[in-house]
Each structure stands twice: as C-alpha cells, then as structure tokens.
C-alpha cells in the first residue's frame, strides 16, 4: 500500500488527507503511519494553505494541509530524527 500511496501522490501533485481517505477508502489513522514514513524518508513534503483559520470571522475555510511528492530523496534508515 505504501507504493500505491507514493504513486497516487506523484500523480496528483498535491493531495489532502481527506482526498487520500476517499481514494484508498481508509481512515486517516491508517494513513498517518505511512505518511509519516514518507515524510521521514524525504519522499513527500507538507504544504500548508494560506487560508485564514476562520477565527477572524471572515468566513474562510479552516487551514488545510496538503502532501506533495518530493522525489526519490531518501534518508538512510539508520539516521535518527
């Protein structure tokens, strides 16, 4: 499933957790470990939206987080974070 997740993020360029949940038909908690591993290895990155968090009363949607493909940059597994 990790390879499928990588392929989907590559193809979509930028995806949210909600999009991943819908596409793979799994709960976010099931995706979190795989996304964390891809982040740790440097294969994906996180992009925060520039939207307001909605607390100012402007009616904007809450801030969204998206995942994007960084490539094959891989961190050796013996490196501690």
Protein backbone atom coordinates (compact mmCIF):
# COMPACT_ATOMS: atom_id res chain seq x y z
CA UNK A 1 0.00 0.00 0.00
CA UNK A 2 2.96 2.34 0.59
CA UNK A 3 3.91 2.15 -3.10
CA UNK A 4 0.29 2.83 -4.10
CA UNK A 5 0.26 5.87 -1.80
CA UNK A 6 3.50 7.16 -3.36
CA UNK A 7 2.15 6.64 -6.88
CA UNK A 8 -1.10 8.46 -6.08
CA UNK A 9 0.66 11.47 -4.54
CA UNK A 10 3.04 11.63 -7.54
CA UNK A 11 0.13 11.56 -9.98
CA UNK A 12 -1.98 14.15 -8.13
CA UNK A 13 0.93 16.51 -7.31
CA UNK A 14 -0.85 17.84 -4.20
CA UNK A 15 -3.40 15.94 -2.10
CA UNK A 16 -5.11 16.40 1.24
CA UNK A 17 -5.64 13.75 3.89
CA UNK A 18 -9.33 13.78 3.03
CA UNK A 19 -8.59 13.02 -0.63
CA UNK A 20 -6.32 10.14 0.41
CA UNK A 21 -9.01 8.77 2.76
CA UNK A 22 -11.61 8.82 -0.02
CA UNK A 23 -9.35 7.35 -2.69
CA UNK A 24 -7.97 4.49 -0.58
CA UNK A 25 -11.17 4.03 1.47
CA UNK A 26 -9.29 4.01 4.77
CA UNK A 27 -9.38 6.15 7.89
CA UNK A 28 -6.84 8.90 8.42
CA UNK A 29 -5.37 7.00 11.36
CA UNK A 30 -4.43 4.18 8.97
CA UNK A 31 -2.68 6.64 6.64
CA UNK A 32 -0.78 8.55 9.32
CA UNK A 33 1.97 5.98 9.79
CA UNK A 34 2.61 5.62 6.08
CA UNK A 35 2.61 9.39 5.53
CA UNK A 36 5.00 9.82 8.48
CA UNK A 37 7.37 7.27 6.95
CA UNK A 38 7.31 9.00 3.56
CA UNK A 39 7.91 12.36 5.28
CA UNK A 40 10.81 10.94 7.28
CA UNK A 41 12.39 9.49 4.14
CA UNK A 42 12.03 12.85 2.40
CA UNK A 43 9.83 11.49 -0.39
CA UNK A 44 6.87 13.78 0.34
CA UNK A 45 6.50 17.23 1.83
CA UNK A 46 3.72 19.13 3.55
CA UNK A 47 2.23 22.33 2.19
CA UNK A 48 0.03 24.47 4.42
CA UNK A 49 -2.63 26.58 2.73
CA UNK A 50 -2.58 30.33 3.03
CA UNK A 51 -6.20 30.37 4.08
CA UNK A 52 -7.28 32.01 7.27
CA UNK A 53 -8.04 29.65 10.11
CA UNK A 54 -11.55 31.05 10.30
CA UNK A 55 -11.07 32.58 13.75
CA UNK A 56 -11.22 36.17 12.44
CA UNK A 57 -14.84 35.79 11.32
CA UNK A 58 -14.06 36.23 7.61
CA UNK A 59 -15.90 33.03 6.70
CA UNK A 60 -12.80 31.36 5.26
CA UNK A 61 -12.37 27.61 5.46
CA UNK A 62 -10.04 26.29 8.18
CA UNK A 63 -6.40 25.93 7.21
CA UNK A 64 -5.78 22.88 5.05
CA UNK A 65 -2.68 20.70 4.81
CA UNK A 66 -1.62 19.02 1.59
CA UNK A 67 1.04 16.45 0.76
CA UNK A 68 3.23 16.75 -2.33
CA UNK A 69 5.82 14.50 -3.99
CA UNK A 70 9.46 15.47 -3.48
CA UNK A 71 11.05 12.60 -5.35
CA UNK A 72 13.45 9.82 -4.55
CA UNK A 73 15.43 11.73 -1.94
CA UNK A 74 15.77 9.07 0.67
CA UNK A 75 17.10 9.34 4.19
CA UNK A 76 19.10 6.31 5.29
CA UNK A 77 17.14 4.23 7.77
CA UNK A 78 19.91 4.46 10.42
CA UNK A 79 19.53 8.26 10.72
CA UNK A 80 17.71 9.31 13.90
CA UNK A 81 15.40 12.32 13.95
